[in-house]
Amino acid sequence: MAPSFSSAAACIAPPLPTLLVVPTGIGCAIGGYAGDALPSARLLAAASGCLITHPNVMNGAALYWSDPRIQYVEGYSLDRFAAGELALRAVRQQRIGLLLDVGIEPELRQRQLQVAQGCRATLGLDIGPVVTSDVPLEVHLCRGNSGASWGELGQPDALLQAGERLRDAGATAIAVVARFPEDSENDALSAYRQGSGVDALAGAEAVISHLLVHHLGLPCAHAPALLPLPFDPLLDPRAAGEELGYSFLACVLVGLSRAPDLVPLTSEAALPAGSDLLSAGQLGAVVAPEGALGGEAVLACLERGVALIAVANQSVLEVTSEQLGITSRVQRARSYTEAAGLLLALREGIAAAALQRPLPAL
């Protein structure tokens, strides 16, 4: 019998679980805008066979991509996973509770609900119930000395109480829409829209999702509620996903629809034999921007001896391997395309040095 093309599947190496980190609110050239790291994530997922990454990478406002090889894990959960405190369990579907800030104006609120209804009708997502906070959440935007964005929440208790109501009503994941401040004349916003600034919203969004995940232990992600911006003929393509509609919610709902369950671990040794859980002990690599290597997830992976691939991806941070004294433990990549090649080499058990010429001396 002649060999079939399907027999090639037996030659594919097992997946190499890989962590992809593109920190929020630091203006990365790739990943600092509206889901513009998604093509890189798709490539790394194909190279590794299993990619764990966070909403900042995957969320493109009105644009999104679903890939069974990509695990959508909120940033705080990602840190806890890398530290060995959480495991991930794949699911077929999450029931997504929708948490709306009572400070959202009626028409803008209705736009969010229409997105949810559209995702139910068109994509078949399980969404509901809908809960509104008792008082406005009062989001405040801030910027650090480095230029990175962050934020504060005036009413965190109202957020957590609304989240509890959703959990108690049977939601297994939570999408939050909070009213964000309007500042369409801001110079920083103009720079961002034209491709040279930092996302002013991202840091505050991270605060909201971190609070909920820490409190509830459920997958959570956030979409800001904002009025449409004035037309800008100089709009950068990386920011265009945010200007296609009235809401940022669709990508969050799609991401959460199959986000893995978060399973607390007392220790990784507690994992039962043959478990279907994915834990940090199975990680084969972590990929991060070369100037943003000081995050908790990256450092936790280094402690475990996980291979670190540092990609040239400019941002406002300069926390490099040289500053951390870890140069010898880092594999450098000039692009995410090159990082995908390094992941394939790791997955296939090929020494990266064997691909260089001249060969390094023994």
Protein backbone atom coordinates (compact mmCIF):
# COMPACT_ATOMS: atom_id res chain seq x y z
CA MET A 1 0.00 0.00 0.00
CA ALA A 2 1.33 3.45 -0.88
CA PRO A 3 1.94 5.74 2.11
CA SER A 4 -0.70 8.40 2.70
CA PHE A 5 -0.16 12.01 3.59
CA SER A 6 -1.97 11.41 6.90
CA SER A 7 0.84 9.10 8.01
CA ALA A 8 3.01 12.19 8.37
CA ALA A 9 1.06 13.06 11.52
CA ALA A 10 2.92 10.31 13.35
CA CYS A 11 6.17 12.22 12.72
CA ILE A 12 5.02 15.40 14.48
CA ALA A 13 6.72 15.95 17.83
CA PRO A 14 4.48 16.33 20.92
CA PRO A 15 3.45 19.90 21.80
CA LEU A 16 5.92 22.11 23.65
CA PRO A 17 3.78 24.17 26.05
CA THR A 18 5.00 27.75 25.65
CA LEU A 19 4.22 30.95 27.52
CA LEU A 20 3.92 34.13 25.44
CA VAL A 21 4.11 37.37 27.43
CA VAL A 22 3.64 40.85 25.94
CA PRO A 23 3.16 43.13 28.98
CA THR A 24 0.21 45.48 29.01
CA GLY A 25 0.52 49.26 28.76
CA ILE A 26 4.24 49.55 27.88
CA GLY A 27 3.86 50.48 24.22
CA CYS A 28 5.33 47.37 22.59
CA ALA A 29 5.85 47.80 18.85
CA ILE A 30 4.11 44.42 18.47
CA GLY A 31 1.36 43.82 21.03
CA GLY A 32 0.98 47.39 22.25
CA TYR A 33 -2.11 48.08 20.18
CA ALA A 34 -5.44 46.46 19.28
CA GLY A 35 -4.56 42.77 19.21
CA ASP A 36 -1.67 43.38 16.83
CA ALA A 37 0.33 40.53 18.42
CA LEU A 38 -2.31 38.06 17.26
CA PRO A 39 -0.46 37.02 14.06
CA SER A 40 2.67 36.37 16.14
CA ALA A 41 0.63 34.35 18.65
CA ARG A 42 -0.87 32.24 15.87
CA LEU A 43 2.59 31.53 14.47
CA LEU A 44 4.02 30.60 17.87
CA ALA A 45 0.99 28.37 18.54
CA ALA A 46 1.65 26.53 15.29
CA ALA A 47 5.35 26.16 16.15
CA SER A 48 4.80 25.02 19.75
CA GLY A 49 1.51 23.13 19.46
CA CYS A 50 0.36 24.70 22.76
CA LEU A 51 0.57 28.42 23.56
CA ILE A 52 -0.52 30.03 26.84
CA THR A 53 -0.99 33.78 26.57
CA HIS A 54 -3.08 36.64 27.90
CA PRO A 55 -5.86 38.98 26.68
CA ASN A 56 -3.46 41.83 25.81
CA VAL A 57 -2.08 39.59 23.06
CA MET A 58 -5.41 38.24 21.82
CA ASN A 59 -7.92 41.10 22.13
CA GLY A 60 -8.42 43.11 18.95
CA ALA A 61 -11.64 44.92 19.96
CA ALA A 62 -14.01 44.04 17.09
CA LEU A 63 -11.43 41.59 15.70
CA TYR A 64 -10.50 38.22 17.22
CA TRP A 65 -9.18 34.77 16.39
CA SER A 66 -9.99 31.49 18.06
CA ASP A 67 -7.38 28.71 17.99
CA PRO A 68 -7.65 25.49 20.03
CA ARG A 69 -3.86 25.55 20.47
CA ILE A 70 -4.00 28.91 22.31
CA GLN A 71 -5.02 29.12 25.98
CA TYR A 72 -6.51 32.52 26.89
CA VAL A 73 -5.37 33.25 30.46
CA GLU A 74 -5.70 36.61 32.27
CA GLY A 75 -2.41 38.21 33.34
CA TYR A 76 -2.64 37.64 37.11
CA SER A 77 -3.61 34.01 36.46
CA LEU A 78 -0.68 33.71 34.05
CA ASP A 79 1.72 34.80 36.81
CA ARG A 80 0.20 32.34 39.28
CA PHE A 81 0.37 29.57 36.67
CA ALA A 82 4.05 30.26 35.98
CA ALA A 83 4.73 30.23 39.73
CA GLY A 84 3.17 26.75 40.03
CA GLU A 85 0.21 27.96 42.10
CA LEU A 86 -2.44 27.28 39.43
CA ALA A 87 -3.01 24.62 36.82
CA LEU A 88 -5.15 24.99 33.71
CA ARG A 89 -7.96 22.66 32.66
CA ALA A 90 -9.23 22.81 29.09
CA VAL A 91 -13.01 23.25 28.67
CA ARG A 92 -15.44 22.92 25.79
CA GLN A 93 -17.34 26.05 26.76
CA GLN A 94 -17.56 28.61 29.56
CA ARG A 95 -20.77 30.27 30.70
CA ILE A 96 -19.84 33.95 30.56
CA GLY A 97 -21.43 36.32 33.03
CA LEU A 98 -21.52 39.95 31.88
CA LEU A 99 -20.70 42.62 34.46
CA LEU A 100 -21.68 46.16 33.42
CA ASP A 101 -20.66 49.37 35.17
CA VAL A 102 -23.78 51.29 36.23
CA GLY A 103 -21.88 54.43 35.16
CA ILE A 104 -22.32 53.49 31.48
CA GLU A 105 -24.90 55.71 29.73
CA PRO A 106 -28.10 53.93 28.54
CA GLU A 107 -27.33 53.98 24.79
CA LEU A 108 -23.72 52.87 25.30
CA ARG A 109 -24.92 50.14 27.67
CA GLN A 110 -27.35 48.95 25.01
CA ARG A 111 -24.47 48.73 22.52
CA GLN A 112 -22.67 46.33 24.87
CA LEU A 113 -25.77 44.19 25.24
CA GLN A 114 -26.20 44.07 21.46
CA VAL A 115 -22.66 42.73 21.11
CA ALA A 116 -23.46 40.03 23.66
CA GLN A 117 -26.67 39.16 21.83
CA GLY A 118 -24.81 39.06 18.53
CA CYS A 119 -22.21 36.68 19.95
CA ARG A 120 -24.99 34.41 21.20
CA ALA A 121 -26.85 34.40 17.88
CA THR A 122 -23.89 34.28 15.49
CA LEU A 123 -21.16 32.47 17.41
CA GLY A 124 -23.26 30.28 19.70
CA LEU A 125 -21.63 31.55 22.91
CA ASP A 126 -23.22 30.85 26.29
CA ILE A 127 -23.64 34.33 27.81
CA GLY A 128 -25.54 35.32 30.93
CA PRO A 129 -26.62 36.41 33.36
CA VAL A 130 -26.04 40.17 33.16
CA VAL A 131 -25.32 42.05 36.38
CA THR A 132 -24.89 45.80 36.90
CA SER A 133 -22.69 47.27 39.62
CA ASP A 134 -24.51 49.03 42.47
CA VAL A 135 -22.47 52.22 42.03
CA PRO A 136 -20.21 53.57 39.25
CA LEU A 137 -16.80 51.85 39.31
CA GLU A 138 -14.91 55.17 38.86
CA VAL A 139 -11.96 54.23 36.66
CA HIS A 140 -8.97 56.61 36.77
CA LEU A 141 -6.13 56.51 34.24
CA CYS A 142 -2.52 57.08 35.29
CA ARG A 143 0.92 57.05 33.71
CA GLY A 144 4.19 56.15 35.44
CA ASN A 145 7.55 57.88 35.09
CA SER A 146 8.66 55.22 32.61
CA GLY A 147 5.76 56.09 30.31
CA ALA A 148 3.86 52.88 31.09
CA SER A 149 0.14 53.20 31.75
CA TRP A 150 -1.67 52.03 34.86
CA GLY A 151 -4.90 52.86 36.63
CA GLU A 152 -7.01 52.98 39.77
CA LEU A 153 -10.55 51.93 40.62
CA GLY A 154 -12.56 54.18 42.92
CA GLN A 155 -15.09 51.49 43.88
CA PRO A 156 -13.35 48.09 43.92
CA ASP A 157 -15.86 46.62 46.39
CA ALA A 158 -18.70 47.28 43.95
CA LEU A 159 -16.78 45.37 41.27
CA LEU A 160 -16.15 42.39 43.53
CA GLN A 161 -19.73 42.27 44.83
CA ALA A 162 -21.11 42.24 41.28
CA GLY A 163 -18.65 39.50 40.40
CA GLU A 164 -19.82 37.44 43.37
CA ARG A 165 -23.42 37.74 42.19
CA LEU A 166 -22.45 36.42 38.77
CA ARG A 167 -20.49 33.53 40.24
CA ASP A 168 -23.37 32.63 42.55
CA ALA A 169 -25.76 32.72 39.57
CA GLY A 170 -23.70 30.08 37.75
CA ALA A 171 -21.25 32.07 35.62
CA THR A 172 -17.97 30.21 35.10
CA ALA A 173 -16.16 33.18 33.50
CA ILE A 174 -16.74 36.94 33.71
CA ALA A 175 -16.54 39.68 31.10
CA VAL A 176 -16.44 43.19 32.57
CA VAL A 177 -17.34 46.43 30.82
CA ALA A 178 -16.43 49.54 32.81
CA ARG A 179 -16.97 53.16 31.79
CA PHE A 180 -13.59 54.74 31.03
CA PRO A 181 -12.85 58.49 30.99
CA GLU A 182 -13.20 60.32 27.67
CA ASP A 183 -10.30 62.45 26.47
CA SER A 184 -10.39 62.54 22.69
CA GLU A 185 -8.21 65.69 22.57
CA ASN A 186 -5.38 64.14 24.58
CA ASP A 187 -1.97 64.27 22.87
CA ALA A 188 -1.06 60.79 24.16
CA LEU A 189 -4.24 59.35 22.62
CA SER A 190 -3.48 61.03 19.30
CA ALA A 191 0.04 59.58 19.37
CA TYR A 192 -1.33 56.12 20.13
CA ARG A 193 -3.85 56.28 17.29
CA GLN A 194 -1.05 57.28 14.92
CA GLY A 195 1.25 54.46 16.05
CA SER A 196 3.78 56.14 18.33
CA GLY A 197 2.34 56.05 21.85
CA VAL A 198 1.30 53.84 24.75
CA ASP A 199 -2.24 52.48 25.22
CA ALA A 200 -3.50 54.67 28.06
CA LEU A 201 -6.33 52.25 28.91
CA ALA A 202 -4.37 49.02 29.20
CA GLY A 203 -2.96 49.45 32.71
CA ALA A 204 -6.35 50.23 34.24
CA GLU A 205 -7.93 47.29 32.42
CA ALA A 206 -5.34 45.00 33.97
CA VAL A 207 -6.20 46.28 37.47
CA ILE A 208 -9.88 45.40 36.98
CA SER A 209 -9.30 41.85 35.73
CA HIS A 210 -6.57 41.16 38.32
CA LEU A 211 -8.91 42.13 41.17
CA LEU A 212 -11.68 39.82 39.98
CA VAL A 213 -9.48 36.81 39.28
CA HIS A 214 -7.73 37.15 42.64
CA HIS A 215 -11.07 37.35 44.44
CA LEU A 216 -13.14 34.78 42.52
CA GLY A 217 -10.67 32.38 40.93
CA LEU A 218 -12.59 32.51 37.64
CA PRO A 219 -11.35 33.46 34.16
CA CYS A 220 -12.02 37.18 33.68
CA ALA A 221 -11.27 39.84 31.08
CA HIS A 222 -12.23 43.46 30.55
CA ALA A 223 -13.50 45.69 27.75
CA PRO A 224 -13.70 49.48 28.21
CA ALA A 225 -16.89 51.41 27.43
CA LEU A 226 -16.07 54.51 25.36
CA LEU A 227 -17.84 56.70 22.84
CA PRO A 228 -16.60 56.41 19.24
CA LEU A 229 -13.63 58.66 18.48
CA PRO A 230 -13.56 61.35 15.78
CA PHE A 231 -12.42 60.22 12.33
CA ASP A 232 -8.62 60.21 11.94
CA PRO A 233 -7.27 59.84 8.37
CA LEU A 234 -3.78 59.12 9.77
CA LEU A 235 -4.91 56.15 11.88
CA ASP A 236 -2.22 53.49 12.32
CA PRO A 237 -3.33 50.01 11.15
CA ARG A 238 -2.41 48.57 14.56
CA ALA A 239 -5.03 50.77 16.25
CA ALA A 240 -7.72 50.26 13.61
CA GLY A 241 -9.41 47.31 15.33
CA GLU A 242 -10.59 49.67 18.07
CA GLU A 243 -12.38 51.96 15.61
CA LEU A 244 -14.58 49.46 13.78
CA GLY A 245 -17.60 49.60 16.08
CA TYR A 246 -19.16 50.82 19.29
CA SER A 247 -17.72 48.19 21.61
CA PHE A 248 -14.52 46.34 22.52
CA LEU A 249 -16.49 43.43 23.97
CA ALA A 250 -16.65 40.86 21.15
CA CYS A 251 -13.01 39.73 21.40
CA VAL A 252 -13.33 39.36 25.19
CA LEU A 253 -16.40 37.14 24.89
CA VAL A 254 -14.74 34.95 22.25
CA GLY A 255 -11.56 34.65 24.33
CA LEU A 256 -13.41 33.75 27.51
CA SER A 257 -15.73 31.29 25.77
CA ARG A 258 -13.02 28.61 25.87
CA ALA A 259 -10.65 30.03 28.46
CA PRO A 260 -9.31 27.20 30.65
CA ASP A 261 -10.54 26.70 34.19
CA LEU A 262 -8.13 27.87 36.89
CA VAL A 263 -7.32 25.04 39.31
CA PRO A 264 -5.50 26.01 42.55
CA LEU A 265 -2.53 23.83 43.49
CA THR A 266 -1.12 23.35 46.97
CA SER A 267 1.97 21.99 45.22
CA GLU A 268 2.72 20.65 41.77
CA ALA A 269 3.42 17.30 43.38
CA ALA A 270 -0.32 17.20 44.15
CA LEU A 271 -1.14 16.67 40.46
CA PRO A 272 -2.61 13.17 40.08
CA ALA A 273 -0.98 10.74 37.68
CA GLY A 274 -2.53 10.98 34.22
CA SER A 275 -4.10 14.34 35.08
CA ASP A 276 -5.64 16.39 32.28
CA LEU A 277 -4.30 19.55 33.92
CA LEU A 278 -1.60 21.72 32.36
CA SER A 279 0.93 22.93 34.93
CA ALA A 280 4.06 25.09 34.92
CA GLY A 281 6.20 21.96 35.23
CA GLN A 282 5.25 21.10 31.65
CA LEU A 283 6.41 24.41 30.18
CA GLY A 284 9.13 24.10 27.57
CA ALA A 285 9.69 27.79 26.76
CA VAL A 286 8.69 31.37 27.53
CA VAL A 287 8.76 34.14 24.92
CA ALA A 288 8.93 37.82 25.98
CA PRO A 289 10.12 41.21 24.65
CA GLU A 290 13.87 41.64 25.22
CA GLY A 291 13.30 44.86 27.19
CA ALA A 292 10.55 43.47 29.45
CA LEU A 293 12.16 40.48 31.16
CA GLY A 294 11.46 41.51 34.75
CA GLY A 295 7.87 40.32 34.99
CA GLU A 296 6.77 37.71 37.51
CA ALA A 297 5.93 35.04 34.94
CA VAL A 298 9.27 35.34 33.12
CA LEU A 299 11.30 35.26 36.35
CA ALA A 300 9.33 32.27 37.66
CA CYS A 301 10.08 30.40 34.42
CA LEU A 302 13.78 31.25 34.72
CA GLU A 303 13.81 29.82 38.24
CA ARG A 304 12.51 26.56 36.79
CA GLY A 305 15.13 26.48 34.06
CA VAL A 306 12.56 27.00 31.30
CA ALA A 307 14.11 28.17 28.03
CA LEU A 308 13.71 31.96 27.61
CA ILE A 309 13.45 33.47 24.13
CA ALA A 310 13.86 37.27 24.18
CA VAL A 311 12.42 38.95 21.09
CA ALA A 312 13.39 42.35 19.69
CA ASN A 313 10.13 44.23 20.38
CA GLN A 314 10.68 47.85 21.38
CA SER A 315 8.76 49.34 24.32
CA VAL A 316 9.16 52.06 26.98
CA LEU A 317 10.83 49.54 29.32
CA GLU A 318 14.50 48.54 29.33
CA VAL A 319 14.61 45.56 31.70
CA THR A 320 17.07 43.51 29.68
CA SER A 321 19.01 40.30 30.20
CA GLU A 322 22.15 42.39 30.74
CA GLN A 323 20.52 44.36 33.55
CA LEU A 324 19.27 41.16 35.17
CA GLY A 325 22.59 39.33 34.75
CA ILE A 326 21.02 36.44 32.83
CA THR A 327 22.54 36.92 29.37
CA SER A 328 23.90 33.38 29.16
CA ARG A 329 20.44 31.93 29.84
CA VAL A 330 18.65 33.79 27.06
CA GLN A 331 18.13 32.88 23.42
CA ARG A 332 17.73 36.04 21.34
CA ALA A 333 15.38 36.40 18.39
CA ARG A 334 15.25 39.35 16.02
CA SER A 335 11.54 38.77 15.32
CA TYR A 336 8.64 36.53 16.31
CA THR A 337 9.28 34.64 13.07
CA GLU A 338 12.76 33.78 14.34
CA ALA A 339 11.31 32.94 17.77
CA ALA A 340 8.98 30.44 16.06
CA GLY A 341 12.01 28.77 14.50
CA LEU A 342 13.69 28.49 17.89
CA LEU A 343 10.51 26.97 19.35
CA LEU A 344 10.40 24.40 16.55
CA ALA A 345 14.02 23.51 17.25
CA LEU A 346 13.22 23.03 20.95
CA ARG A 347 10.12 21.00 20.11
CA GLU A 348 12.04 18.72 17.74
CA GLY A 349 15.06 18.39 20.04
CA ILE A 350 17.44 20.23 17.72
CA ALA A 351 20.23 22.24 19.33
CA ALA A 352 19.98 25.85 18.19
CA ALA A 353 23.78 26.01 17.90
CA ALA A 354 23.65 23.31 15.21
CA LEU A 355 21.72 25.72 12.99
CA GLN A 356 24.44 28.39 13.10
CA ARG A 357 27.51 28.82 10.93
CA PRO A 358 30.24 28.69 11.86
CA LEU A 359 29.46 26.11 14.53
CA PRO A 360 30.44 27.32 18.01
CA ALA A 361 33.60 25.68 19.31
CA LEU A 362 33.20 22.81 21.79
